[in-house]
PDB file of all heavy atoms in Angstrom:
ATOM      1  N   PRO A   1      14.417  -8.807   1.971  1.00  0.00           N
ATOM      2  CA  PRO A   1      14.571  -7.626   2.858  1.00  0.00           C
ATOM      3  C   PRO A   1      13.917  -6.385   2.264  1.00  0.00           C
ATOM      4  O   PRO A   1      13.824  -6.230   1.045  1.00  0.00           O
ATOM      5  CB  PRO A   1      16.075  -7.418   2.943  1.00  0.00           C
ATOM      6  CG  PRO A   1      16.663  -8.678   2.464  1.00  0.00           C
ATOM      7  CD  PRO A   1      15.673  -9.317   1.495  1.00  0.00           C
ATOM      8  N   LEU A   2      13.428  -5.521   3.177  1.00  0.00           N
ATOM      9  CA  LEU A   2      12.656  -4.329   2.729  1.00  0.00           C
ATOM     10  C   LEU A   2      13.514  -3.330   1.960  1.00  0.00           C
ATOM     11  O   LEU A   2      12.980  -2.445   1.291  1.00  0.00           O
ATOM     12  CB  LEU A   2      12.014  -3.619   3.910  1.00  0.00           C
ATOM     13  CG  LEU A   2      10.862  -4.425   4.542  1.00  0.00           C
ATOM     14  CD1 LEU A   2      10.455  -3.803   5.863  1.00  0.00           C
ATOM     15  CD2 LEU A   2       9.698  -4.423   3.569  1.00  0.00           C
ATOM     16  N   ASP A   3      14.854  -3.541   1.971  1.00  0.00           N
ATOM     17  CA  ASP A   3      15.711  -2.592   1.172  1.00  0.00           C
ATOM     18  C   ASP A   3      16.413  -3.355   0.072  1.00  0.00           C
ATOM     19  O   ASP A   3      17.371  -2.861  -0.479  1.00  0.00           O
ATOM     20  CB  ASP A   3      16.778  -1.964   2.126  1.00  0.00           C
ATOM     21  CG  ASP A   3      17.706  -2.951   2.770  1.00  0.00           C
ATOM     22  OD1 ASP A   3      17.440  -4.200   2.630  1.00  0.00           O
ATOM     23  OD2 ASP A   3      18.742  -2.518   3.364  1.00  0.00           O
ATOM     24  N   TRP A   4      15.857  -4.462  -0.344  1.00  0.00           N
ATOM     25  CA  TRP A   4      16.535  -5.258  -1.383  1.00  0.00           C
ATOM     26  C   TRP A   4      16.467  -4.516  -2.741  1.00  0.00           C
ATOM     27  O   TRP A   4      15.517  -3.887  -3.048  1.00  0.00           O
ATOM     28  CB  TRP A   4      15.834  -6.639  -1.505  1.00  0.00           C
ATOM     29  CG  TRP A   4      16.662  -7.719  -2.054  1.00  0.00           C
ATOM     30  CD1 TRP A   4      17.655  -8.392  -1.433  1.00  0.00           C
ATOM     31  CD2 TRP A   4      16.612  -8.250  -3.387  1.00  0.00           C
ATOM     32  NE1 TRP A   4      18.245  -9.244  -2.267  1.00  0.00           N
ATOM     33  CE2 TRP A   4      17.629  -9.237  -3.496  1.00  0.00           C
ATOM     34  CE3 TRP A   4      15.820  -8.003  -4.465  1.00  0.00           C
ATOM     35  CZ2 TRP A   4      17.845  -9.974  -4.638  1.00  0.00           C
ATOM     36  CZ3 TRP A   4      16.051  -8.733  -5.598  1.00  0.00           C
ATOM     37  CH2 TRP A   4      17.034  -9.750  -5.721  1.00  0.00           C
ATOM     38  N   SER A   5      17.547  -4.611  -3.469  1.00  0.00           N
ATOM     39  CA  SER A   5      17.689  -4.046  -4.789  1.00  0.00           C
ATOM     40  C   SER A   5      17.709  -2.519  -4.795  1.00  0.00           C
ATOM     41  O   SER A   5      17.388  -1.868  -5.770  1.00  0.00           O
ATOM     42  CB  SER A   5      16.574  -4.540  -5.803  1.00  0.00           C
ATOM     43  OG  SER A   5      16.989  -4.398  -7.082  1.00  0.00           O
ATOM     44  N   GLY A   6      18.155  -1.968  -3.643  1.00  0.00           N
ATOM     45  CA  GLY A   6      18.418  -0.533  -3.615  1.00  0.00           C
ATOM     46  C   GLY A   6      17.188   0.358  -3.422  1.00  0.00           C
ATOM     47  O   GLY A   6      17.266   1.550  -3.669  1.00  0.00           O
ATOM     48  N   ILE A   7      16.097  -0.221  -3.000  1.00  0.00           N
ATOM     49  CA  ILE A   7      14.900   0.556  -2.727  1.00  0.00           C
ATOM     50  C   ILE A   7      14.383   0.213  -1.365  1.00  0.00           C
ATOM     51  O   ILE A   7      14.571  -0.861  -0.837  1.00  0.00           O
ATOM     52  CB  ILE A   7      13.742   0.340  -3.757  1.00  0.00           C
ATOM     53  CG1 ILE A   7      13.341  -1.129  -3.894  1.00  0.00           C
ATOM     54  CG2 ILE A   7      14.132   0.941  -5.119  1.00  0.00           C
ATOM     55  CD1 ILE A   7      12.133  -1.399  -4.647  1.00  0.00           C
ATOM     56  N   ASP A   8      13.739   1.186  -0.736  1.00  0.00           N
ATOM     57  CA  ASP A   8      13.030   0.944   0.505  1.00  0.00           C
ATOM     58  C   ASP A   8      11.576   0.872   0.163  1.00  0.00           C
ATOM     59  O   ASP A   8      10.973   1.854  -0.326  1.00  0.00           O
ATOM     60  CB  ASP A   8      13.287   2.100   1.499  1.00  0.00           C
ATOM     61  CG  ASP A   8      12.562   1.946   2.837  1.00  0.00           C
ATOM     62  OD1 ASP A   8      11.618   1.112   2.954  1.00  0.00           O
ATOM     63  OD2 ASP A   8      12.903   2.711   3.777  1.00  0.00           O
ATOM     64  N   ARG A   9      10.963  -0.273   0.355  1.00  0.00           N
ATOM     65  CA  ARG A   9       9.582  -0.468  -0.046  1.00  0.00           C
ATOM     66  C   ARG A   9       8.673  -0.606   1.162  1.00  0.00           C
ATOM     67  O   ARG A   9       7.495  -0.984   1.074  1.00  0.00           O
ATOM     68  CB  ARG A   9       9.387  -1.632  -1.017  1.00  0.00           C
ATOM     69  CG  ARG A   9       9.932  -2.945  -0.521  1.00  0.00           C
ATOM     70  CD  ARG A   9       9.719  -4.059  -1.575  1.00  0.00           C
ATOM     71  NE  ARG A   9       9.564  -5.291  -0.846  1.00  0.00           N
ATOM     72  CZ  ARG A   9      10.545  -5.961  -0.338  1.00  0.00           C
ATOM     73  NH1 ARG A   9      11.804  -5.547  -0.502  1.00  0.00           N
ATOM     74  NH2 ARG A   9      10.336  -7.053   0.364  1.00  0.00           N
ATOM     75  N   ARG A  10       9.191  -0.238   2.315  1.00  0.00           N
ATOM     76  CA  ARG A  10       8.454  -0.333   3.562  1.00  0.00           C
ATOM     77  C   ARG A  10       7.101   0.366   3.503  1.00  0.00           C
ATOM     78  O   ARG A  10       6.033  -0.221   3.754  1.00  0.00           O
ATOM     79  CB  ARG A  10       9.261   0.238   4.697  1.00  0.00           C
ATOM     80  CG  ARG A  10       8.653   0.084   6.081  1.00  0.00           C
ATOM     81  CD  ARG A  10       9.618   0.471   7.192  1.00  0.00           C
ATOM     82  NE  ARG A  10      10.674  -0.495   7.283  1.00  0.00           N
ATOM     83  CZ  ARG A  10      11.972  -0.305   6.924  1.00  0.00           C
ATOM     84  NH1 ARG A  10      12.349   0.813   6.407  1.00  0.00           N
ATOM     85  NH2 ARG A  10      12.876  -1.254   7.037  1.00  0.00           N
ATOM     86  N   ALA A  11       7.093   1.614   3.062  1.00  0.00           N
ATOM     87  CA  ALA A  11       5.847   2.418   2.948  1.00  0.00           C
ATOM     88  C   ALA A  11       4.902   1.789   1.885  1.00  0.00           C
ATOM     89  O   ALA A  11       3.668   1.831   2.127  1.00  0.00           O
ATOM     90  CB  ALA A  11       6.162   3.861   2.609  1.00  0.00           C
ATOM     91  N   VAL A  12       5.452   1.296   0.838  1.00  0.00           N
ATOM     92  CA  VAL A  12       4.584   0.655  -0.231  1.00  0.00           C
ATOM     93  C   VAL A  12       3.910  -0.545   0.378  1.00  0.00           C
ATOM     94  O   VAL A  12       2.694  -0.717   0.179  1.00  0.00           O
ATOM     95  CB  VAL A  12       5.447   0.300  -1.410  1.00  0.00           C
ATOM     96  CG1 VAL A  12       4.642  -0.583  -2.394  1.00  0.00           C
ATOM     97  CG2 VAL A  12       5.899   1.563  -2.129  1.00  0.00           C
ATOM     98  N   GLU A  13       4.604  -1.346   1.096  1.00  0.00           N
ATOM     99  CA  GLU A  13       3.991  -2.576   1.589  1.00  0.00           C
ATOM    100  C   GLU A  13       2.971  -2.277   2.668  1.00  0.00           C
ATOM    101  O   GLU A  13       1.858  -2.867   2.704  1.00  0.00           O
ATOM    102  CB  GLU A  13       5.060  -3.585   2.037  1.00  0.00           C
ATOM    103  CG  GLU A  13       5.790  -4.189   0.913  1.00  0.00           C
ATOM    104  CD  GLU A  13       6.691  -5.351   1.279  1.00  0.00           C
ATOM    105  OE1 GLU A  13       6.394  -6.044   2.282  1.00  0.00           O
ATOM    106  OE2 GLU A  13       7.666  -5.568   0.557  1.00  0.00           O
ATOM    107  N   GLU A  14       3.296  -1.344   3.564  1.00  0.00           N
ATOM    108  CA  GLU A  14       2.351  -0.983   4.656  1.00  0.00           C
ATOM    109  C   GLU A  14       1.086  -0.386   4.037  1.00  0.00           C
ATOM    110  O   GLU A  14      -0.065  -0.710   4.447  1.00  0.00           O
ATOM    111  CB  GLU A  14       2.979   0.003   5.599  1.00  0.00           C
ATOM    112  CG  GLU A  14       4.050  -0.609   6.458  1.00  0.00           C
ATOM    113  CD  GLU A  14       4.870   0.393   7.298  1.00  0.00           C
ATOM    114  OE1 GLU A  14       4.517   1.611   7.255  1.00  0.00           O
ATOM    115  OE2 GLU A  14       5.768  -0.017   7.989  1.00  0.00           O
ATOM    116  N   THR A  15       1.250   0.538   3.109  1.00  0.00           N
ATOM    117  CA  THR A  15       0.072   1.174   2.497  1.00  0.00           C
ATOM    118  C   THR A  15      -0.685   0.206   1.613  1.00  0.00           C
ATOM    119  O   THR A  15      -1.912   0.273   1.641  1.00  0.00           O
ATOM    120  CB  THR A  15       0.577   2.393   1.660  1.00  0.00           C
ATOM    121  OG1 THR A  15       1.377   3.254   2.475  1.00  0.00           O
ATOM    122  CG2 THR A  15      -0.605   3.186   1.076  1.00  0.00           C
ATOM    123  N   ALA A  16       0.005  -0.674   0.931  1.00  0.00           N
ATOM    124  CA  ALA A  16      -0.681  -1.670   0.068  1.00  0.00           C
ATOM    125  C   ALA A  16      -1.589  -2.542   0.960  1.00  0.00           C
ATOM    126  O   ALA A  16      -2.716  -2.895   0.559  1.00  0.00           O
ATOM    127  CB  ALA A  16       0.281  -2.419  -0.733  1.00  0.00           C
ATOM    128  N   ARG A  17      -1.072  -2.948   2.090  1.00  0.00           N
ATOM    129  CA  ARG A  17      -1.879  -3.824   3.019  1.00  0.00           C
ATOM    130  C   ARG A  17      -3.157  -3.004   3.449  1.00  0.00           C
ATOM    131  O   ARG A  17      -4.218  -3.611   3.532  1.00  0.00           O
ATOM    132  CB  ARG A  17      -1.074  -4.258   4.233  1.00  0.00           C
ATOM    133  CG  ARG A  17      -0.113  -5.315   3.943  1.00  0.00           C
ATOM    134  CD  ARG A  17       0.588  -5.870   5.182  1.00  0.00           C
ATOM    135  NE  ARG A  17       1.630  -6.782   4.838  1.00  0.00           N
ATOM    136  CZ  ARG A  17       2.871  -6.436   4.503  1.00  0.00           C
ATOM    137  NH1 ARG A  17       3.227  -5.157   4.541  1.00  0.00           N
ATOM    138  NH2 ARG A  17       3.756  -7.316   4.178  1.00  0.00           N
ATOM    139  N   ARG A  18      -2.971  -1.811   3.767  1.00  0.00           N
ATOM    140  CA  ARG A  18      -4.105  -0.920   4.277  1.00  0.00           C
ATOM    141  C   ARG A  18      -5.110  -0.791   3.081  1.00  0.00           C
ATOM    142  O   ARG A  18      -6.300  -0.924   3.289  1.00  0.00           O
ATOM    143  CB  ARG A  18      -3.628   0.443   4.701  1.00  0.00           C
ATOM    144  CG  ARG A  18      -3.744   0.649   6.151  1.00  0.00           C
ATOM    145  CD  ARG A  18      -3.493   2.099   6.632  1.00  0.00           C
ATOM    146  NE  ARG A  18      -2.944   3.085   5.655  1.00  0.00           N
ATOM    147  CZ  ARG A  18      -1.672   3.330   5.518  1.00  0.00           C
ATOM    148  NH1 ARG A  18      -0.765   2.671   6.164  1.00  0.00           N
ATOM    149  NH2 ARG A  18      -1.300   4.255   4.670  1.00  0.00           N
ATOM    150  N   HIS A  19      -4.581  -0.467   1.907  1.00  0.00           N
ATOM    151  CA  HIS A  19      -5.503  -0.290   0.761  1.00  0.00           C
ATOM    152  C   HIS A  19      -6.199  -1.652   0.425  1.00  0.00           C
ATOM    153  O   HIS A  19      -7.341  -1.638   0.048  1.00  0.00           O
ATOM    154  CB  HIS A  19      -4.716   0.246  -0.433  1.00  0.00           C
ATOM    155  CG  HIS A  19      -4.402   1.663  -0.293  1.00  0.00           C
ATOM    156  ND1 HIS A  19      -3.295   2.198  -0.900  1.00  0.00           N
ATOM    157  CD2 HIS A  19      -4.918   2.663   0.449  1.00  0.00           C
ATOM    158  CE1 HIS A  19      -3.215   3.534  -0.577  1.00  0.00           C
ATOM    159  NE2 HIS A  19      -4.153   3.778   0.214  1.00  0.00           N
ATOM    160  N   ARG A  20      -5.490  -2.726   0.513  1.00  0.00           N
ATOM    161  CA  ARG A  20      -6.065  -4.071   0.242  1.00  0.00           C
ATOM    162  C   ARG A  20      -7.232  -4.258   1.175  1.00  0.00           C
ATOM    163  O   ARG A  20      -8.326  -4.738   0.726  1.00  0.00           O
ATOM    164  CB  ARG A  20      -4.985  -5.128   0.375  1.00  0.00           C
ATOM    165  CG  ARG A  20      -5.474  -6.536   0.004  1.00  0.00           C
ATOM    166  CD  ARG A  20      -5.608  -7.365   1.317  1.00  0.00           C
ATOM    167  NE  ARG A  20      -6.031  -8.690   0.991  1.00  0.00           N
ATOM    168  CZ  ARG A  20      -7.275  -9.164   1.243  1.00  0.00           C
ATOM    169  NH1 ARG A  20      -8.204  -8.401   1.793  1.00  0.00           N
ATOM    170  NH2 ARG A  20      -7.591 -10.403   0.961  1.00  0.00           N
ATOM    171  N   GLU A  21      -7.089  -4.017   2.466  1.00  0.00           N
ATOM    172  CA  GLU A  21      -8.153  -4.232   3.432  1.00  0.00           C
ATOM    173  C   GLU A  21      -9.330  -3.291   3.158  1.00  0.00           C
ATOM    174  O   GLU A  21     -10.510  -3.666   3.232  1.00  0.00           O
ATOM    175  CB  GLU A  21      -7.593  -4.049   4.867  1.00  0.00           C
ATOM    176  CG  GLU A  21      -6.678  -5.109   5.302  1.00  0.00           C
ATOM    177  CD  GLU A  21      -7.220  -6.506   5.158  1.00  0.00           C
ATOM    178  OE1 GLU A  21      -8.374  -6.736   5.540  1.00  0.00           O
ATOM    179  OE2 GLU A  21      -6.469  -7.351   4.611  1.00  0.00           O
ATOM    180  N   ARG A  22      -9.057  -2.043   2.813  1.00  0.00           N
ATOM    181  CA  ARG A  22     -10.073  -1.063   2.524  1.00  0.00           C
ATOM    182  C   ARG A  22     -10.913  -1.471   1.312  1.00  0.00           C
ATOM    183  O   ARG A  22     -12.112  -1.478   1.382  1.00  0.00           O
ATOM    184  CB  ARG A  22      -9.429   0.289   2.270  1.00  0.00           C
ATOM    185  CG  ARG A  22     -10.488   1.374   1.891  1.00  0.00           C
ATOM    186  CD  ARG A  22      -9.809   2.548   1.252  1.00  0.00           C
ATOM    187  NE  ARG A  22      -9.610   3.683   2.117  1.00  0.00           N
ATOM    188  CZ  ARG A  22      -8.918   4.719   1.794  1.00  0.00           C
ATOM    189  NH1 ARG A  22      -8.222   4.786   0.690  1.00  0.00           N
ATOM    190  NH2 ARG A  22      -8.841   5.741   2.671  1.00  0.00           N
ATOM    191  N   ILE A  23     -10.323  -1.839   0.232  1.00  0.00           N
ATOM    192  CA  ILE A  23     -11.023  -2.119  -0.958  1.00  0.00           C
ATOM    193  C   ILE A  23     -11.685  -3.508  -0.928  1.00  0.00           C
ATOM    194  O   ILE A  23     -12.644  -3.756  -1.675  1.00  0.00           O
ATOM    195  CB  ILE A  23     -10.169  -2.013  -2.271  1.00  0.00           C
ATOM    196  CG1 ILE A  23      -9.089  -3.064  -2.305  1.00  0.00           C
ATOM    197  CG2 ILE A  23      -9.651  -0.603  -2.396  1.00  0.00           C
ATOM    198  CD1 ILE A  23      -8.251  -3.063  -3.551  1.00  0.00           C
ATOM    199  N   ALA A  24     -11.278  -4.369  -0.010  1.00  0.00           N
ATOM    200  CA  ALA A  24     -11.924  -5.623   0.169  1.00  0.00           C
ATOM    201  C   ALA A  24     -13.302  -5.514   0.755  1.00  0.00           C
ATOM    202  O   ALA A  24     -14.150  -6.359   0.503  1.00  0.00           O
ATOM    203  CB  ALA A  24     -11.085  -6.545   1.029  1.00  0.00           C
ATOM    204  N   VAL A  25     -13.537  -4.408   1.453  1.00  0.00           N
ATOM    205  CA  VAL A  25     -14.802  -4.221   2.110  1.00  0.00           C
ATOM    206  C   VAL A  25     -15.623  -3.030   1.605  1.00  0.00           C
ATOM    207  O   VAL A  25     -16.767  -2.798   2.065  1.00  0.00           O
ATOM    208  CB  VAL A  25     -14.689  -4.138   3.666  1.00  0.00           C
ATOM    209  CG1 VAL A  25     -14.101  -5.413   4.199  1.00  0.00           C
ATOM    210  CG2 VAL A  25     -13.829  -2.934   4.037  1.00  0.00           C
ATOM    211  N   SER A  26     -15.044  -2.197   0.745  1.00  0.00           N
ATOM    212  CA  SER A  26     -15.688  -0.956   0.306  1.00  0.00           C
ATOM    213  C   SER A  26     -15.404  -0.734  -1.177  1.00  0.00           C
ATOM    214  O   SER A  26     -14.379  -1.080  -1.689  1.00  0.00           O
ATOM    215  CB  SER A  26     -15.086   0.207   1.113  1.00  0.00           C
ATOM    216  OG  SER A  26     -15.508   1.420   0.602  1.00  0.00           O
ATOM    217  N   SER A  27     -16.316  -0.109  -1.827  1.00  0.00           N
ATOM    218  CA  SER A  27     -16.148   0.264  -3.210  1.00  0.00           C
ATOM    219  C   SER A  27     -15.707   1.726  -3.356  1.00  0.00           C
ATOM    220  O   SER A  27     -15.698   2.310  -4.452  1.00  0.00           O
ATOM    221  CB  SER A  27     -17.435  -0.026  -4.004  1.00  0.00           C
ATOM    222  OG  SER A  27     -18.460   0.801  -3.496  1.00  0.00           O
ATOM    223  N   ASP A  28     -15.322   2.369  -2.254  1.00  0.00           N
ATOM    224  CA  ASP A  28     -14.855   3.747  -2.274  1.00  0.00           C
ATOM    225  C   ASP A  28     -13.483   3.761  -2.973  1.00  0.00           C
ATOM    226  O   ASP A  28     -12.599   3.022  -2.653  1.00  0.00           O
ATOM    227  CB  ASP A  28     -14.758   4.331  -0.899  1.00  0.00           C
ATOM    228  CG  ASP A  28     -16.100   4.465  -0.210  1.00  0.00           C
ATOM    229  OD1 ASP A  28     -17.159   4.509  -0.962  1.00  0.00           O
ATOM    230  OD2 ASP A  28     -16.132   4.575   1.002  1.00  0.00           O
ATOM    231  N   LYS A  29     -13.298   4.748  -3.839  1.00  0.00           N
ATOM    232  CA  LYS A  29     -12.031   4.891  -4.506  1.00  0.00           C
ATOM    233  C   LYS A  29     -10.954   5.345  -3.524  1.00  0.00           C
ATOM    234  O   LYS A  29     -11.213   6.027  -2.529  1.00  0.00           O
ATOM    235  CB  LYS A  29     -12.137   5.953  -5.623  1.00  0.00           C
ATOM    236  CG  LYS A  29     -12.795   5.410  -6.843  1.00  0.00           C
ATOM    237  CD  LYS A  29     -12.166   6.126  -8.051  1.00  0.00           C
ATOM    238  CE  LYS A  29     -12.315   5.215  -9.255  1.00  0.00           C
ATOM    239  NZ  LYS A  29     -11.267   5.184 -10.140  1.00  0.00           N
ATOM    240  N   VAL A  30      -9.753   4.970  -3.821  1.00  0.00           N
ATOM    241  CA  VAL A  30      -8.565   5.392  -3.009  1.00  0.00           C
ATOM    242  C   VAL A  30      -8.028   6.631  -3.696  1.00  0.00           C
ATOM    243  O   VAL A  30      -7.696   6.618  -4.865  1.00  0.00           O
ATOM    244  CB  VAL A  30      -7.511   4.278  -2.977  1.00  0.00           C
ATOM    245  CG1 VAL A  30      -6.264   4.745  -2.248  1.00  0.00           C
ATOM    246  CG2 VAL A  30      -8.045   2.977  -2.292  1.00  0.00           C
ATOM    247  N   PRO A  31      -7.957   7.752  -2.935  1.00  0.00           N
ATOM    248  CA  PRO A  31      -7.434   8.967  -3.539  1.00  0.00           C
ATOM    249  C   PRO A  31      -5.955   8.794  -3.940  1.00  0.00           C
ATOM    250  O   PRO A  31      -5.214   8.173  -3.215  1.00  0.00           O
ATOM    251  CB  PRO A  31      -7.581  10.035  -2.452  1.00  0.00           C
ATOM    252  CG  PRO A  31      -8.472   9.442  -1.402  1.00  0.00           C
ATOM    253  CD  PRO A  31      -8.410   7.933  -1.552  1.00  0.00           C
ATOM    254  N   GLU A  32      -5.564   9.349  -5.093  1.00  0.00           N
ATOM    255  CA  GLU A  32      -4.220   9.174  -5.567  1.00  0.00           C
ATOM    256  C   GLU A  32      -3.199   9.778  -4.624  1.00  0.00           C
ATOM    257  O   GLU A  32      -2.072   9.338  -4.547  1.00  0.00           O
ATOM    258  CB  GLU A  32      -4.070   9.794  -6.967  1.00  0.00           C
ATOM    259  CG  GLU A  32      -4.610   8.904  -8.024  1.00  0.00           C
ATOM    260  CD  GLU A  32      -4.109   9.270  -9.408  1.00  0.00           C
ATOM    261  OE1 GLU A  32      -2.903   9.520  -9.584  1.00  0.00           O
ATOM    262  OE2 GLU A  32      -4.901   9.216 -10.369  1.00  0.00           O
ATOM    263  N   ASN A  33      -3.593  10.772  -3.819  1.00  0.00           N
ATOM    264  CA  ASN A  33      -2.596  11.346  -2.879  1.00  0.00           C
ATOM    265  C   ASN A  33      -2.286  10.383  -1.756  1.00  0.00           C
ATOM    266  O   ASN A  33      -1.389  10.646  -0.937  1.00  0.00           O
ATOM    267  CB  ASN A  33      -3.073  12.670  -2.355  1.00  0.00           C
ATOM    268  CG  ASN A  33      -4.305  12.559  -1.483  1.00  0.00           C
ATOM    269  OD1 ASN A  33      -4.957  11.557  -1.402  1.00  0.00           O
ATOM    270  ND2 ASN A  33      -4.637  13.664  -0.789  1.00  0.00           N
ATOM    271  N   GLU A  34      -2.987   9.217  -1.689  1.00  0.00           N
ATOM    272  CA  GLU A  34      -2.646   8.204  -0.692  1.00  0.00           C
ATOM    273  C   GLU A  34      -1.775   7.079  -1.276  1.00  0.00           C
ATOM    274  O   GLU A  34      -1.330   6.217  -0.526  1.00  0.00           O
ATOM    275  CB  GLU A  34      -3.911   7.516  -0.191  1.00  0.00           C
ATOM    276  CG  GLU A  34      -4.787   8.402   0.688  1.00  0.00           C
ATOM    277  CD  GLU A  34      -6.004   7.663   1.279  1.00  0.00           C
ATOM    278  OE1 GLU A  34      -5.940   6.411   1.336  1.00  0.00           O
ATOM    279  OE2 GLU A  34      -6.907   8.323   1.736  1.00  0.00           O
TER     280      GLU A  34
END
Protein backbone atom coordinates (compact mmCIF):
# COMPACT_ATOMS: atom_id res chain seq x y z
CA PRO A 1 0.00 0.00 0.00
CA LEU A 2 1.14 3.55 -0.72
CA ASP A 3 1.08 4.35 3.01
CA TRP A 4 2.90 1.24 4.20
CA SER A 5 5.38 1.65 7.05
CA GLY A 6 4.11 5.08 8.03
CA ILE A 7 5.03 7.00 4.90
CA ASP A 8 3.07 8.26 1.93
CA ARG A 9 5.19 7.51 -1.12
CA ARG A 10 2.55 8.42 -3.72
CA ALA A 11 4.43 11.53 -4.93
CA VAL A 12 7.72 9.63 -4.99
CA GLU A 13 6.34 6.87 -7.18
CA GLU A 14 4.50 9.22 -9.55
CA THR A 15 7.54 11.47 -9.93
CA ALA A 16 9.94 8.53 -10.25
CA ARG A 17 7.85 7.15 -13.15
CA ARG A 18 7.93 10.54 -14.87
CA HIS A 19 11.68 10.92 -14.31
CA ARG A 20 12.29 7.36 -15.51
CA GLU A 21 10.46 8.10 -18.79
CA ARG A 22 12.28 11.42 -19.21
CA ILE A 23 15.79 10.06 -18.71
CA ALA A 24 15.09 7.00 -20.87
CA VAL A 25 14.81 9.29 -23.91
CA SER A 26 16.89 12.34 -22.96
CA SER A 27 20.26 13.10 -21.44
CA ASP A 28 18.97 16.32 -19.88
CA LYS A 29 19.61 16.54 -16.15
CA VAL A 30 16.66 16.50 -13.79
CA PRO A 31 16.71 19.65 -11.64
CA GLU A 32 16.96 18.88 -7.93
CA ASN A 33 13.90 21.03 -7.23
CA GLU A 34 11.89 18.33 -9.06
